Each structure stands twice: as C-alpha cells, then as structure tokens.
C-alpha atoms as a PDB file:
ATOM      1  CA  MET A   1      13.613  -0.241  -1.906  1.00  0.00           C
ATOM      2  CA  HIS A   2      12.375  -3.771  -1.404  1.00  0.00           C
ATOM      3  CA  HIS A   3       9.661  -5.202  -3.666  1.00  0.00           C
ATOM      4  CA  LEU A   4       7.304  -7.822  -2.277  1.00  0.00           C
ATOM      5  CA  PHE A   5       4.471  -9.499  -4.171  1.00  0.00           C
ATOM      6  CA  LEU A   6       1.876 -11.277  -2.053  1.00  0.00           C
ATOM      7  CA  ALA A   7      -0.942 -13.597  -3.086  1.00  0.00           C
ATOM      8  CA  VAL A   8      -3.856 -12.660  -0.843  1.00  0.00           C
ATOM      9  CA  HIS A   9      -7.470 -13.828  -0.808  1.00  0.00           C
ATOM     10  CA  HIS A  10      -9.784 -10.873  -1.424  1.00  0.00           C
ATOM     11  CA  MET A  11     -11.556 -11.379   1.919  1.00  0.00           C
ATOM     12  CA  ASP A  12      -8.233 -11.205   3.804  1.00  0.00           C
ATOM     13  CA  LYS A  13      -6.724  -8.115   2.163  1.00  0.00           C
ATOM     14  CA  ASP A  14      -7.727  -5.556   4.796  1.00  0.00           C
ATOM     15  CA  LYS A  15      -6.378  -7.724   7.605  1.00  0.00           C
ATOM     16  CA  VAL A  16      -3.104  -8.150   5.695  1.00  0.00           C
ATOM     17  CA  VAL A  17      -2.874  -4.355   5.321  1.00  0.00           C
ATOM     18  CA  ALA A  18      -3.554  -3.947   9.052  1.00  0.00           C
ATOM     19  CA  SER A  19      -0.826  -6.461   9.900  1.00  0.00           C
ATOM     20  CA  ILE A  20       1.742  -4.735   7.689  1.00  0.00           C
ATOM     21  CA  ALA A  21       0.773  -1.294   9.002  1.00  0.00           C
ATOM     22  CA  SER A  22       1.201  -2.464  12.595  1.00  0.00           C
ATOM     23  CA  GLY A  23       4.919  -2.887  11.913  1.00  0.00           C
ATOM     24  CA  MET A  24       5.374   0.514  10.228  1.00  0.00           C
ATOM     25  CA  ALA A  25       5.176   4.102  11.426  1.00  0.00           C
ATOM     26  CA  LYS A  26       3.492   5.249   8.198  1.00  0.00           C
ATOM     27  CA  THR A  27       1.929   3.312   5.340  1.00  0.00           C
ATOM     28  CA  ILE A  28       0.209   4.452   2.159  1.00  0.00           C
ATOM     29  CA  VAL A  29      -2.307   2.113   0.526  1.00  0.00           C
ATOM     30  CA  PHE A  30      -3.094   2.771  -3.129  1.00  0.00           C
ATOM     31  CA  CYS A  31      -6.483   1.702  -4.495  1.00  0.00           C
ATOM     32  CA  GLN A  32      -7.858   1.860  -8.033  1.00  0.00           C
ATOM     33  CA  THR A  33     -11.194   3.486  -7.129  1.00  0.00           C
ATOM     34  CA  LYS A  34     -12.643   6.010  -4.695  1.00  0.00           C
ATOM     35  CA  ARG A  35     -15.196   3.440  -3.560  1.00  0.00           C
ATOM     36  CA  THR A  36     -12.425   0.970  -2.706  1.00  0.00           C
ATOM     37  CA  CYS A  37     -10.566   3.712  -0.798  1.00  0.00           C
ATOM     38  CA  ASP A  38     -13.617   4.407   1.350  1.00  0.00           C
ATOM     39  CA  ARG A  39     -14.254   0.709   2.001  1.00  0.00           C
ATOM     40  CA  VAL A  40     -10.615   0.008   2.920  1.00  0.00           C
ATOM     41  CA  GLU A  41     -10.525   3.046   5.231  1.00  0.00           C
ATOM     42  CA  ARG A  42     -13.715   1.917   6.987  1.00  0.00           C
ATOM     43  CA  ASN A  43     -12.519  -1.691   7.321  1.00  0.00           C
ATOM     44  CA  LEU A  44      -9.117  -0.635   8.672  1.00  0.00           C
ATOM     45  CA  GLN A  45     -10.769   1.600  11.252  1.00  0.00           C
ATOM     46  CA  GLU A  46     -12.970  -1.325  12.319  1.00  0.00           C
ATOM     47  CA  LEU A  47      -9.748  -3.327  12.768  1.00  0.00           C
ATOM     48  CA  GLY A  48      -8.389  -0.599  15.053  1.00  0.00           C
ATOM     49  CA  VAL A  49      -6.040   1.026  12.530  1.00  0.00           C
ATOM     50  CA  ARG A  50      -5.834   4.828  12.481  1.00  0.00           C
ATOM     51  CA  ALA A  51      -6.573   5.424   8.795  1.00  0.00           C
ATOM     52  CA  ALA A  52      -8.029   8.059   6.483  1.00  0.00           C
ATOM     53  CA  ALA A  53      -8.849   8.093   2.787  1.00  0.00           C
ATOM     54  CA  ILE A  54      -8.022  10.788   0.257  1.00  0.00           C
ATOM     55  CA  HIS A  55      -9.586  10.891  -3.189  1.00  0.00           C
ATOM     56  CA  GLY A  56     -11.207  13.276  -5.620  1.00  0.00           C
ATOM     57  CA  ASP A  57     -14.711  13.077  -4.129  1.00  0.00           C
ATOM     58  CA  LEU A  58     -13.492  14.612  -0.870  1.00  0.00           C
ATOM     59  CA  ALA A  59     -13.347  18.370  -0.398  1.00  0.00           C
ATOM     60  CA  GLN A  60      -9.868  19.860  -0.654  1.00  0.00           C
ATOM     61  CA  ALA A  61     -10.007  20.828   3.031  1.00  0.00           C
ATOM     62  CA  ALA A  62     -10.789  17.218   4.021  1.00  0.00           C
ATOM     63  CA  ARG A  63      -7.886  15.912   1.925  1.00  0.00           C
ATOM     64  CA  GLU A  64      -5.529  18.472   3.469  1.00  0.00           C
ATOM     65  CA  ARG A  65      -6.673  17.572   7.008  1.00  0.00           C
ATOM     66  CA  ALA A  66      -6.109  13.875   6.365  1.00  0.00           C
ATOM     67  CA  LEU A  67      -2.678  14.523   4.868  1.00  0.00           C
ATOM     68  CA  LYS A  68      -1.684  16.749   7.813  1.00  0.00           C
ATOM     69  CA  ARG A  69      -2.813  14.114  10.324  1.00  0.00           C
ATOM     70  CA  PHE A  70      -0.790  11.519   8.414  1.00  0.00           C
ATOM     71  CA  THR A  71       2.284  13.755   8.200  1.00  0.00           C
ATOM     72  CA  ASP A  72       2.030  14.581  11.920  1.00  0.00           C
ATOM     73  CA  GLY A  73       1.832  10.878  12.817  1.00  0.00           C
ATOM     74  CA  ASP A  74      -1.781  10.961  14.037  1.00  0.00           C
ATOM     75  CA  LEU A  75      -2.681   8.447  11.319  1.00  0.00           C
ATOM     76  CA  ALA A  76      -0.799   5.240  10.607  1.00  0.00           C
ATOM     77  CA  VAL A  77      -2.340   4.659   7.179  1.00  0.00           C
ATOM     78  CA  LEU A  78      -3.342   6.896   4.303  1.00  0.00           C
ATOM     79  CA  VAL A  79      -5.603   5.196   1.745  1.00  0.00           C
ATOM     80  CA  ALA A  80      -5.439   6.981  -1.603  1.00  0.00           C
ATOM     81  CA  THR A  81      -6.228   6.896  -5.274  1.00  0.00           C
ATOM     82  CA  ASP A  82      -3.398   7.660  -7.685  1.00  0.00           C
ATOM     83  CA  VAL A  83      -4.766  11.080  -8.620  1.00  0.00           C
ATOM     84  CA  ALA A  84      -5.309  12.226  -5.026  1.00  0.00           C
ATOM     85  CA  ALA A  85      -1.799  11.148  -4.075  1.00  0.00           C
ATOM     86  CA  ARG A  86      -0.027  13.259  -6.698  1.00  0.00           C
ATOM     87  CA  GLY A  87       2.441  15.529  -4.991  1.00  0.00           C
ATOM     88  CA  ILE A  88       2.367  13.803  -1.602  1.00  0.00           C
ATOM     89  CA  ASP A  89       5.792  14.314  -0.062  1.00  0.00           C
ATOM     90  CA  VAL A  90       5.896  12.760   3.406  1.00  0.00           C
ATOM     91  CA  ASP A  91       9.019  11.518   5.168  1.00  0.00           C
ATOM     92  CA  ASP A  92       9.405   8.133   6.818  1.00  0.00           C
ATOM     93  CA  ILE A  93       6.842   6.139   4.857  1.00  0.00           C
ATOM     94  CA  GLY A  94       7.815   2.566   5.660  1.00  0.00           C
ATOM     95  CA  ALA A  95       5.617   0.867   3.091  1.00  0.00           C
ATOM     96  CA  VAL A  96       3.534   1.545   0.038  1.00  0.00           C
ATOM     97  CA  ILE A  97       0.884  -1.114  -0.441  1.00  0.00           C
ATOM     98  CA  HIS A  98      -0.668  -1.639  -3.852  1.00  0.00           C
ATOM     99  CA  TYR A  99      -4.125  -2.918  -2.834  1.00  0.00           C
ATOM    100  CA  GLU A 100      -4.467  -4.118  -6.417  1.00  0.00           C
ATOM    101  CA  PRO A 101      -1.551  -4.465  -8.830  1.00  0.00           C
ATOM    102  CA  ALA A 102      -0.691  -1.203 -10.561  1.00  0.00           C
ATOM    103  CA  GLY A 103      -1.968  -0.896 -14.110  1.00  0.00           C
ATOM    104  CA  ASP A 104       1.499  -0.416 -15.575  1.00  0.00           C
ATOM    105  CA  ALA A 105       5.144   0.176 -14.677  1.00  0.00           C
ATOM    106  CA  LYS A 106       4.705   3.962 -14.647  1.00  0.00           C
ATOM    107  CA  ASP A 107       1.912   3.763 -12.044  1.00  0.00           C
ATOM    108  CA  TYR A 108       3.919   1.235 -10.035  1.00  0.00           C
ATOM    109  CA  LEU A 109       6.941   3.546  -9.971  1.00  0.00           C
ATOM    110  CA  HIS A 110       4.884   6.612  -9.113  1.00  0.00           C
ATOM    111  CA  ARG A 111       3.137   4.856  -6.224  1.00  0.00           C
ATOM    112  CA  SER A 112       6.216   3.045  -4.927  1.00  0.00           C
ATOM    113  CA  GLY A 113       8.303   6.205  -5.066  1.00  0.00           C
ATOM    114  CA  ARG A 114       6.557   7.446  -1.930  1.00  0.00           C
ATOM    115  CA  THR A 115       8.779   5.185   0.180  1.00  0.00           C
ATOM    116  CA  ALA A 116      12.556   4.666   0.412  1.00  0.00           C
ATOM    117  CA  ARG A 117      13.324   8.342  -0.090  1.00  0.00           C
ATOM    118  CA  ALA A 118      16.612  10.084   0.678  1.00  0.00           C
ATOM    119  CA  GLY A 119      18.483   6.805   1.055  1.00  0.00           C
ATOM    120  CA  ARG A 120      16.014   5.374   3.562  1.00  0.00           C
ATOM    121  CA  ASP A 121      14.743   1.813   3.510  1.00  0.00           C
ATOM    122  CA  GLY A 122      11.215   1.135   2.306  1.00  0.00           C
ATOM    123  CA  TRP A 123       8.850  -1.507   1.001  1.00  0.00           C
ATOM    124  CA  ALA A 124       6.651  -1.651  -2.082  1.00  0.00           C
ATOM    125  CA  VAL A 125       4.116  -4.398  -1.404  1.00  0.00           C
ATOM    126  CA  THR A 126       1.725  -5.558  -4.114  1.00  0.00           C
ATOM    127  CA  MET A 127      -1.278  -7.645  -3.113  1.00  0.00           C
ATOM    128  CA  ALA A 128      -2.538  -9.873  -5.903  1.00  0.00           C
ATOM    129  CA  GLU A 129      -5.548 -12.114  -5.983  1.00  0.00           C
ATOM    130  CA  TYR A 130      -5.246 -15.485  -7.681  1.00  0.00           C
ATOM    131  CA  ASN A 131      -6.593 -14.250 -11.018  1.00  0.00           C
ATOM    132  CA  GLN A 132      -4.004 -11.417 -11.106  1.00  0.00           C
ATOM    133  CA  HIS A 133      -0.782 -13.459 -11.200  1.00  0.00           C
ATOM    134  CA  THR A 134      -0.297 -12.919 -14.943  1.00  0.00           C
ATOM    135  CA  GLN A 135      -0.742  -9.177 -14.458  1.00  0.00           C
ATOM    136  CA  VAL A 136       1.906  -9.298 -11.708  1.00  0.00           C
ATOM    137  CA  ARG A 137       4.340 -11.188 -13.967  1.00  0.00           C
ATOM    138  CA  ILE A 138       3.898  -8.597 -16.726  1.00  0.00           C
ATOM    139  CA  LEU A 139       4.520  -5.807 -14.221  1.00  0.00           C
ATOM    140  CA  GLN A 140       7.595  -7.558 -12.805  1.00  0.00           C
ATOM    141  CA  ARG A 141       9.082  -7.991 -16.284  1.00  0.00           C
ATOM    142  CA  ALA A 142       8.398  -4.352 -17.180  1.00  0.00           C
ATOM    143  CA  MET A 143      10.141  -3.268 -13.960  1.00  0.00           C
ATOM    144  CA  ARG A 144      13.012  -5.727 -14.530  1.00  0.00           C
ATOM    145  CA  LEU A 145      12.258  -7.404 -11.204  1.00  0.00           C
ATOM    146  CA  ASP A 146      12.616 -11.113 -10.470  1.00  0.00           C
ATOM    147  CA  PRO A 147       9.498 -12.610 -12.097  1.00  0.00           C
ATOM    148  CA  SER A 148       8.582 -14.867  -9.211  1.00  0.00           C
ATOM    149  CA  LEU A 149       5.105 -15.925  -8.234  1.00  0.00           C
ATOM    150  CA  PRO A 150       3.552 -13.905  -5.422  1.00  0.00           C
ATOM    151  CA  ILE A 151       4.070 -15.405  -1.965  1.00  0.00           C
ATOM    152  CA  GLU A 152       0.822 -16.790  -0.589  1.00  0.00           C
ATOM    153  CA  VAL A 153       0.021 -15.255   2.798  1.00  0.00           C
ATOM    154  CA  PHE A 154      -2.795 -15.059   5.276  1.00  0.00           C
ATOM    155  CA  SER A 155      -3.364 -12.211   7.710  1.00  0.00           C
ATOM    156  CA  ASN A 156      -2.145 -14.266  10.680  1.00  0.00           C
ATOM    157  CA  ASN A 157       1.361 -14.621   9.182  1.00  0.00           C
ATOM    158  CA  PRO A 158       3.753 -13.038  11.727  1.00  0.00           C
ATOM    159  CA  LYS A 159       6.168 -12.011   8.951  1.00  0.00           C
ATOM    160  CA  LEU A 160       3.691  -9.329   7.858  1.00  0.00           C
ATOM    161  CA  LYS A 161       4.545  -7.298  10.961  1.00  0.00           C
ATOM    162  CA  HIS A 162       8.255  -7.429  10.086  1.00  0.00           C
ATOM    163  CA  LEU A 163       8.651  -7.516   6.297  1.00  0.00           C
ATOM    164  CA  PRO A 164      12.422  -8.223   6.284  1.00  0.00           C
ATOM    165  CA  ASP A 165      11.496 -11.719   7.508  1.00  0.00           C
ATOM    166  CA  PHE A 166      10.401 -12.461   3.937  1.00  0.00           C
ATOM    167  CA  HIS A 167      14.122 -12.296   2.942  1.00  0.00           C
ATOM    168  CA  VAL A 168      13.421 -10.365  -0.236  1.00  0.00           C
END
C-alpha cells in the first residue's frame, strides 16, 4: 500500500477527488460527517463522476443498492462515513481517499485497509487543508510513516490521474 498526503485547498477538494478517481476503477472516499458525504456525492456527480453516498441516514435498502452498484462497477466512487463502511469487502479498490485526515491511527488503518487487499497494489490518499498539517504529522508518526509535509496540489495536476507519478 502506498501512502500519499496532499495539501489541498478546501474549495479544490472535490475536483482533486474527481481527478484521482478518473485514474482508478474504484475509489472510496471517507468523510467525517453524513452532511459532507452528501455534499461530496452531489459535487462529484456535477463533475461527471459516477458516485453514491452511504451513511446512517440512508435506508438500509439504499445503502445496499449503492454498494451493489459500486461492486458491479456501475459507480466509480463510493462516498462513506466510517460507520456505514464497516464490513465493506469489495475487490479492486484502487484508492481510499481520506477527505479529511482520520482522527487517529486506528481509523486511518480501518479506512485504508479497503485497498491493497490480497497482495494487490493500492493507495491511501489523505487530503489535508493548511490548518491540518500538525494533525497529519501526528498521524504519520503514529503510523510510523515518513513524517513529511503534505504535497501541495491543485486539481489540474496531471499526476493525480496516475498516482505513481508522485514517486511515493
């Protein structure tokens, strides 16, 4: 699994997600709140990304439909809260995107563990705003990752469509 920490302006986050998702078959985006999930889903759809949200305010049938569409490849992006994503077991997830940095190492591991399964390659991408760099450093130390500053990116960066270009 590759870990990538990006410094992203809050107004550019959805476009960065769309760029990353365009280079992956399947992407899961983790958000802290249900409201953020709904907003990210709506914004991604407006950007032309096939996305659906799953969270606790949705009926079980709606969550199951979204998960099936994602599993079947009808959706490129699943936007989820931590609780709604418990138990998701989908093959070939190319990237897990932490829309906000995870609260702690346990949450980071749980979220990131959705990619790079069964010896496959995968990316755990954390998007951090400028006031979250200290939080990222704490998380990196707890995970025993290289405590480097997040890489500043904008949504028009061509590397976002091919993450190995970041040479992580």
